[in-house]
N, C-alpha and C. Protein backbone atom coordinates (compact mmCIF):
# COMPACT_ATOMS: atom_id res chain seq x y z
N MET A 1 0.84 -1.16 0.00
CA MET A 1 0.00 0.00 0.00
C MET A 1 0.89 1.24 0.00
N ASN A 2 0.72 2.09 -0.97
CA ASN A 2 1.55 3.27 -1.12
C ASN A 2 0.86 4.46 -0.48
N ASN A 3 1.47 4.99 0.54
CA ASN A 3 0.91 6.14 1.24
C ASN A 3 1.61 7.39 0.72
N THR A 4 0.90 8.18 -0.06
CA THR A 4 1.50 9.37 -0.65
C THR A 4 1.13 10.64 0.09
N ASP A 5 0.30 10.54 1.10
CA ASP A 5 -0.09 11.72 1.87
C ASP A 5 1.08 12.13 2.77
N PRO A 6 1.72 13.29 2.49
CA PRO A 6 2.90 13.67 3.27
C PRO A 6 2.59 13.98 4.73
N ASP A 7 1.33 14.30 5.05
CA ASP A 7 0.99 14.60 6.44
C ASP A 7 0.89 13.35 7.30
N ARG A 8 0.66 12.20 6.71
CA ARG A 8 0.48 10.98 7.49
C ARG A 8 1.75 10.15 7.59
N SER A 9 2.69 10.35 6.70
CA SER A 9 3.92 9.56 6.77
C SER A 9 4.96 10.35 7.55
N SER A 10 5.52 9.73 8.55
CA SER A 10 6.50 10.41 9.38
C SER A 10 7.90 10.02 8.93
N PRO A 11 8.79 10.99 8.76
CA PRO A 11 10.15 10.61 8.41
C PRO A 11 10.78 9.79 9.52
N GLY A 12 11.56 8.82 9.15
CA GLY A 12 12.17 7.93 10.12
C GLY A 12 13.08 8.65 11.09
N TRP A 13 13.75 9.68 10.63
CA TRP A 13 14.69 10.38 11.51
C TRP A 13 13.95 11.10 12.64
N LEU A 14 12.78 11.63 12.36
CA LEU A 14 12.01 12.31 13.41
C LEU A 14 11.58 11.31 14.48
N SER A 15 11.11 10.17 14.05
CA SER A 15 10.71 9.12 15.00
C SER A 15 11.91 8.66 15.82
N LEU A 16 13.03 8.43 15.15
CA LEU A 16 14.23 7.96 15.84
C LEU A 16 14.73 8.98 16.86
N LEU A 17 14.82 10.23 16.46
CA LEU A 17 15.28 11.26 17.39
C LEU A 17 14.34 11.45 18.57
N THR A 18 13.05 11.31 18.33
CA THR A 18 12.08 11.43 19.42
C THR A 18 12.26 10.28 20.42
N VAL A 19 12.44 9.08 19.92
CA VAL A 19 12.66 7.92 20.79
C VAL A 19 13.96 8.09 21.58
N VAL A 20 15.02 8.54 20.92
CA VAL A 20 16.30 8.74 21.61
C VAL A 20 16.17 9.81 22.68
N SER A 21 15.43 10.87 22.39
CA SER A 21 15.26 11.92 23.40
C SER A 21 14.51 11.41 24.63
N TRP A 22 13.58 10.51 24.42
CA TRP A 22 12.86 9.91 25.55
C TRP A 22 13.72 8.88 26.28
N ALA A 23 14.68 8.29 25.58
CA ALA A 23 15.53 7.27 26.19
C ALA A 23 16.71 7.88 26.95
N CYS A 24 17.04 9.14 26.67
CA CYS A 24 18.23 9.76 27.28
C CYS A 24 18.28 9.68 28.80
N PRO A 25 17.20 9.93 29.53
CA PRO A 25 17.31 9.81 31.00
C PRO A 25 17.70 8.40 31.44
N PHE A 26 17.14 7.39 30.77
CA PHE A 26 17.47 6.01 31.11
C PHE A 26 18.91 5.68 30.70
N LEU A 27 19.33 6.21 29.56
CA LEU A 27 20.70 5.99 29.10
C LEU A 27 21.70 6.61 30.06
N LEU A 28 21.39 7.79 30.57
CA LEU A 28 22.29 8.47 31.50
C LEU A 28 22.46 7.66 32.79
N VAL A 29 21.36 7.28 33.40
CA VAL A 29 21.44 6.50 34.65
C VAL A 29 22.08 5.13 34.39
N GLY A 30 21.69 4.50 33.29
CA GLY A 30 22.26 3.20 32.95
C GLY A 30 23.75 3.28 32.69
N SER A 31 24.19 4.32 32.02
CA SER A 31 25.61 4.49 31.74
C SER A 31 26.40 4.74 33.02
N LEU A 32 25.85 5.53 33.92
CA LEU A 32 26.51 5.77 35.20
C LEU A 32 26.69 4.48 35.99
N TYR A 33 25.62 3.71 36.06
CA TYR A 33 25.69 2.45 36.81
C TYR A 33 26.54 1.41 36.09
N MET A 34 26.58 1.46 34.77
CA MET A 34 27.44 0.54 34.02
C MET A 34 28.91 0.87 34.30
N THR A 35 29.24 2.14 34.35
CA THR A 35 30.61 2.55 34.67
C THR A 35 31.01 2.01 36.04
N TRP A 36 30.11 2.16 37.00
CA TRP A 36 30.38 1.68 38.36
C TRP A 36 30.53 0.16 38.39
N ALA A 37 29.65 -0.55 37.65
CA ALA A 37 29.71 -2.02 37.63
C ALA A 37 31.00 -2.51 36.98
N VAL A 38 31.41 -1.89 35.88
CA VAL A 38 32.66 -2.29 35.23
C VAL A 38 33.84 -2.01 36.15
N ALA A 39 33.82 -0.86 36.82
CA ALA A 39 34.90 -0.56 37.77
C ALA A 39 34.94 -1.59 38.90
N TRP A 40 33.79 -2.03 39.36
CA TRP A 40 33.73 -3.05 40.42
C TRP A 40 34.38 -4.35 39.93
N VAL A 41 34.06 -4.75 38.70
CA VAL A 41 34.63 -5.98 38.14
C VAL A 41 36.15 -5.85 38.01
N VAL A 42 36.61 -4.71 37.51
CA VAL A 42 38.05 -4.51 37.31
C VAL A 42 38.79 -4.44 38.64
N LEU A 43 38.22 -3.72 39.61
CA LEU A 43 38.88 -3.55 40.91
C LEU A 43 38.77 -4.78 41.80
N GLY A 44 37.68 -5.53 41.66
CA GLY A 44 37.45 -6.67 42.53
C GLY A 44 36.70 -6.30 43.80
N HIS A 45 36.33 -5.05 43.94
CA HIS A 45 35.52 -4.57 45.08
C HIS A 45 34.73 -3.37 44.59
N PRO A 46 33.66 -3.03 45.30
CA PRO A 46 32.89 -1.85 44.88
C PRO A 46 33.76 -0.59 44.92
N PRO A 47 33.70 0.21 43.87
CA PRO A 47 34.49 1.46 43.88
C PRO A 47 34.06 2.37 45.02
N ARG A 48 35.04 3.03 45.63
CA ARG A 48 34.79 3.90 46.77
C ARG A 48 35.04 5.35 46.40
N PRO A 49 34.16 6.25 46.83
CA PRO A 49 34.42 7.67 46.61
C PRO A 49 35.73 8.09 47.27
N SER A 50 36.45 8.96 46.63
CA SER A 50 37.72 9.52 47.12
C SER A 50 38.85 8.50 47.19
N ALA A 51 38.61 7.27 46.78
CA ALA A 51 39.67 6.27 46.81
C ALA A 51 39.94 5.69 45.43
N ASP A 52 38.90 5.40 44.68
CA ASP A 52 39.04 4.77 43.37
C ASP A 52 38.55 5.75 42.30
N ASP A 53 39.50 6.44 41.68
CA ASP A 53 39.16 7.45 40.66
C ASP A 53 38.77 6.75 39.36
N PRO A 54 37.55 7.01 38.84
CA PRO A 54 37.12 6.32 37.62
C PRO A 54 37.98 6.64 36.40
N LYS A 55 38.68 7.77 36.43
CA LYS A 55 39.51 8.14 35.29
C LYS A 55 40.80 7.34 35.22
N SER A 56 41.19 6.71 36.31
CA SER A 56 42.49 6.05 36.32
C SER A 56 42.42 4.58 36.73
N ILE A 57 41.29 3.96 36.55
CA ILE A 57 41.17 2.54 36.94
C ILE A 57 41.69 1.63 35.85
N SER A 58 41.10 1.75 34.65
CA SER A 58 41.46 0.83 33.57
C SER A 58 40.87 1.33 32.26
N PHE A 59 41.42 0.84 31.18
CA PHE A 59 40.87 1.14 29.84
C PHE A 59 39.42 0.70 29.76
N TRP A 60 39.08 -0.41 30.40
CA TRP A 60 37.71 -0.93 30.33
C TRP A 60 36.71 -0.02 31.02
N VAL A 61 37.16 0.76 31.96
CA VAL A 61 36.28 1.71 32.63
C VAL A 61 36.20 3.01 31.82
N ASP A 62 37.23 3.29 31.04
CA ASP A 62 37.26 4.53 30.26
C ASP A 62 36.10 4.64 29.27
N ILE A 63 35.68 3.53 28.67
CA ILE A 63 34.62 3.56 27.66
C ILE A 63 33.28 3.97 28.26
N PRO A 64 32.77 3.27 29.29
CA PRO A 64 31.50 3.73 29.87
C PRO A 64 31.65 5.08 30.58
N TYR A 65 32.85 5.38 31.10
CA TYR A 65 33.08 6.67 31.75
C TYR A 65 32.92 7.81 30.74
N ALA A 66 33.52 7.66 29.56
CA ALA A 66 33.42 8.70 28.52
C ALA A 66 31.98 8.84 28.04
N THR A 67 31.28 7.72 27.92
CA THR A 67 29.88 7.77 27.50
C THR A 67 29.03 8.52 28.53
N THR A 68 29.26 8.24 29.79
CA THR A 68 28.50 8.91 30.86
C THR A 68 28.81 10.40 30.87
N ARG A 69 30.08 10.76 30.73
CA ARG A 69 30.46 12.18 30.69
C ARG A 69 29.77 12.90 29.53
N LEU A 70 29.74 12.25 28.37
CA LEU A 70 29.09 12.84 27.20
C LEU A 70 27.60 13.05 27.47
N LEU A 71 26.95 12.06 28.04
CA LEU A 71 25.52 12.18 28.35
C LEU A 71 25.26 13.27 29.38
N LEU A 72 26.16 13.43 30.35
CA LEU A 72 26.00 14.51 31.33
C LEU A 72 26.15 15.89 30.68
N ILE A 73 27.02 15.98 29.68
CA ILE A 73 27.24 17.25 29.00
C ILE A 73 26.04 17.62 28.14
N VAL A 74 25.44 16.64 27.46
CA VAL A 74 24.37 16.94 26.50
C VAL A 74 22.98 16.94 27.14
N PHE A 75 22.85 16.57 28.41
CA PHE A 75 21.50 16.43 28.95
C PHE A 75 20.69 17.72 28.96
N PRO A 76 21.26 18.92 29.18
CA PRO A 76 20.40 20.11 29.09
C PRO A 76 19.81 20.29 27.68
N ALA A 77 20.63 20.05 26.68
CA ALA A 77 20.13 20.15 25.30
C ALA A 77 19.14 19.04 25.00
N ALA A 78 19.34 17.87 25.59
CA ALA A 78 18.44 16.74 25.36
C ALA A 78 17.04 17.03 25.89
N VAL A 79 16.94 17.75 27.00
CA VAL A 79 15.63 18.10 27.55
C VAL A 79 14.90 19.02 26.57
N ILE A 80 15.59 20.05 26.12
CA ILE A 80 14.98 21.01 25.21
C ILE A 80 14.64 20.36 23.87
N MET A 81 15.60 19.64 23.31
CA MET A 81 15.36 18.99 22.02
C MET A 81 14.28 17.92 22.14
N GLY A 82 14.24 17.22 23.25
CA GLY A 82 13.21 16.21 23.46
C GLY A 82 11.82 16.83 23.45
N ALA A 83 11.68 17.97 24.11
CA ALA A 83 10.38 18.65 24.12
C ALA A 83 10.00 19.13 22.72
N ILE A 84 10.96 19.72 22.01
CA ILE A 84 10.69 20.19 20.65
C ILE A 84 10.34 19.03 19.73
N LEU A 85 11.11 17.96 19.80
CA LEU A 85 10.84 16.79 18.94
C LEU A 85 9.50 16.15 19.27
N THR A 86 9.14 16.13 20.54
CA THR A 86 7.85 15.56 20.93
C THR A 86 6.70 16.39 20.34
N VAL A 87 6.84 17.70 20.41
CA VAL A 87 5.82 18.58 19.81
C VAL A 87 5.75 18.36 18.30
N CYS A 88 6.91 18.35 17.64
CA CYS A 88 6.94 18.13 16.18
C CYS A 88 6.34 16.79 15.80
N PHE A 89 6.69 15.76 16.54
CA PHE A 89 6.17 14.43 16.26
C PHE A 89 4.65 14.40 16.44
N GLY A 90 4.18 15.01 17.53
CA GLY A 90 2.74 15.06 17.77
C GLY A 90 2.00 15.84 16.70
N MET A 91 2.55 16.96 16.29
CA MET A 91 1.91 17.76 15.24
C MET A 91 1.92 17.02 13.90
N ARG A 92 3.01 16.34 13.63
CA ARG A 92 3.13 15.59 12.37
C ARG A 92 2.07 14.49 12.30
N HIS A 93 1.75 13.91 13.44
CA HIS A 93 0.75 12.84 13.49
C HIS A 93 -0.63 13.37 13.87
N LYS A 94 -0.78 14.68 13.84
CA LYS A 94 -2.06 15.34 14.10
C LYS A 94 -2.68 14.95 15.44
N ALA A 95 -1.82 14.86 16.43
CA ALA A 95 -2.31 14.57 17.78
C ALA A 95 -2.97 15.82 18.34
N ARG A 96 -3.85 15.62 19.28
CA ARG A 96 -4.52 16.75 19.92
C ARG A 96 -3.51 17.51 20.77
N ARG A 97 -3.72 18.78 20.93
CA ARG A 97 -2.80 19.62 21.69
C ARG A 97 -2.66 19.16 23.13
N VAL A 98 -3.74 18.68 23.69
CA VAL A 98 -3.70 18.20 25.07
C VAL A 98 -2.75 17.00 25.17
N LYS A 99 -2.81 16.09 24.22
CA LYS A 99 -1.92 14.92 24.24
C LYS A 99 -0.46 15.34 24.09
N ILE A 100 -0.22 16.31 23.23
CA ILE A 100 1.15 16.80 23.04
C ILE A 100 1.65 17.45 24.33
N ALA A 101 0.80 18.27 24.94
CA ALA A 101 1.19 18.93 26.19
C ALA A 101 1.46 17.92 27.30
N VAL A 102 0.62 16.91 27.40
CA VAL A 102 0.83 15.87 28.40
C VAL A 102 2.14 15.14 28.15
N ALA A 103 2.43 14.84 26.88
CA ALA A 103 3.67 14.14 26.54
C ALA A 103 4.89 14.98 26.93
N VAL A 104 4.85 16.28 26.67
CA VAL A 104 5.96 17.15 27.03
C VAL A 104 6.11 17.23 28.55
N VAL A 105 5.01 17.33 29.27
CA VAL A 105 5.06 17.37 30.73
C VAL A 105 5.63 16.06 31.29
N VAL A 106 5.23 14.94 30.71
CA VAL A 106 5.76 13.64 31.15
C VAL A 106 7.26 13.57 30.87
N LEU A 107 7.70 14.04 29.71
CA LEU A 107 9.12 14.03 29.38
C LEU A 107 9.92 14.89 30.36
N VAL A 108 9.45 16.08 30.62
CA VAL A 108 10.14 16.96 31.57
C VAL A 108 10.11 16.34 32.97
N GLY A 109 8.99 15.73 33.34
CA GLY A 109 8.92 15.04 34.62
C GLY A 109 9.89 13.88 34.72
N LEU A 110 10.07 13.19 33.62
CA LEU A 110 11.05 12.10 33.57
C LEU A 110 12.46 12.63 33.83
N TRP A 111 12.77 13.76 33.22
CA TRP A 111 14.08 14.36 33.46
C TRP A 111 14.23 14.87 34.89
N VAL A 112 13.18 15.49 35.41
CA VAL A 112 13.23 15.97 36.80
C VAL A 112 13.42 14.78 37.75
N GLY A 113 12.71 13.68 37.48
CA GLY A 113 12.87 12.48 38.29
C GLY A 113 14.27 11.90 38.20
N THR A 114 14.84 11.94 37.01
CA THR A 114 16.21 11.44 36.81
C THR A 114 17.19 12.29 37.60
N ILE A 115 17.05 13.60 37.50
CA ILE A 115 17.95 14.50 38.24
C ILE A 115 17.78 14.31 39.74
N ALA A 116 16.54 14.17 40.20
CA ALA A 116 16.30 13.94 41.63
C ALA A 116 16.93 12.64 42.09
N PHE A 117 16.81 11.59 41.27
CA PHE A 117 17.42 10.31 41.62
C PHE A 117 18.94 10.43 41.69
N LEU A 118 19.53 11.11 40.72
CA LEU A 118 20.98 11.27 40.71
C LEU A 118 21.47 12.12 41.88
N ARG A 119 20.67 13.09 42.29
CA ARG A 119 21.04 13.91 43.46
C ARG A 119 20.87 13.13 44.77
N TRP A 120 19.87 12.26 44.82
CA TRP A 120 19.65 11.42 45.99
C TRP A 120 20.83 10.50 46.19
N ASP A 121 21.30 9.90 45.09
CA ASP A 121 22.52 9.08 45.06
C ASP A 121 22.56 8.04 46.18
N PRO A 122 21.63 7.08 46.17
CA PRO A 122 21.49 6.15 47.30
C PRO A 122 22.73 5.31 47.59
N TRP A 123 23.54 5.01 46.60
CA TRP A 123 24.72 4.16 46.83
C TRP A 123 26.01 4.93 46.64
N ARG A 124 25.93 6.26 46.60
CA ARG A 124 27.09 7.16 46.46
C ARG A 124 27.85 6.91 45.16
N ILE A 125 27.14 6.44 44.14
CA ILE A 125 27.78 6.18 42.85
C ILE A 125 28.07 7.50 42.14
N GLY A 126 27.14 8.43 42.19
CA GLY A 126 27.38 9.74 41.59
C GLY A 126 28.53 10.46 42.27
N GLU A 127 28.60 10.33 43.59
CA GLU A 127 29.72 10.94 44.33
C GLU A 127 31.04 10.34 43.88
N TRP A 128 31.07 9.02 43.73
CA TRP A 128 32.28 8.34 43.25
C TRP A 128 32.63 8.81 41.84
N PHE A 129 31.64 8.92 40.98
CA PHE A 129 31.88 9.28 39.59
C PHE A 129 32.42 10.70 39.47
N MET A 130 31.85 11.63 40.23
CA MET A 130 32.23 13.04 40.11
C MET A 130 33.48 13.39 40.93
N ASP A 131 33.93 12.49 41.74
CA ASP A 131 35.06 12.75 42.63
C ASP A 131 36.32 13.05 41.84
């Protein structure tokens, strides 16, 4: 079936970028914890704040460490771009304004929850990472 209506077909890149923007909070937390887990495996004990510097443990820790640093750097832009992409995606699919607004609020809430979780830092992993 050939869909020639340009308003109903969504470009793949818009869908992909929207999904990635929604995944960023999970990627950030997952990357942080992956860095800690790899450091634990390499060290043979849980990494300790002020004792085990993630920058100088091993090459194997450098990869998730660099990924986490990159995600921390881009997260302010990811919040803004995520909101813009969500609005564009919703408008492209002719969603109601209320649905688009709810989606943006949920996305921002997801980021606020992620930041709150990282500030809470229940196992001092963020403290170890930023040390």
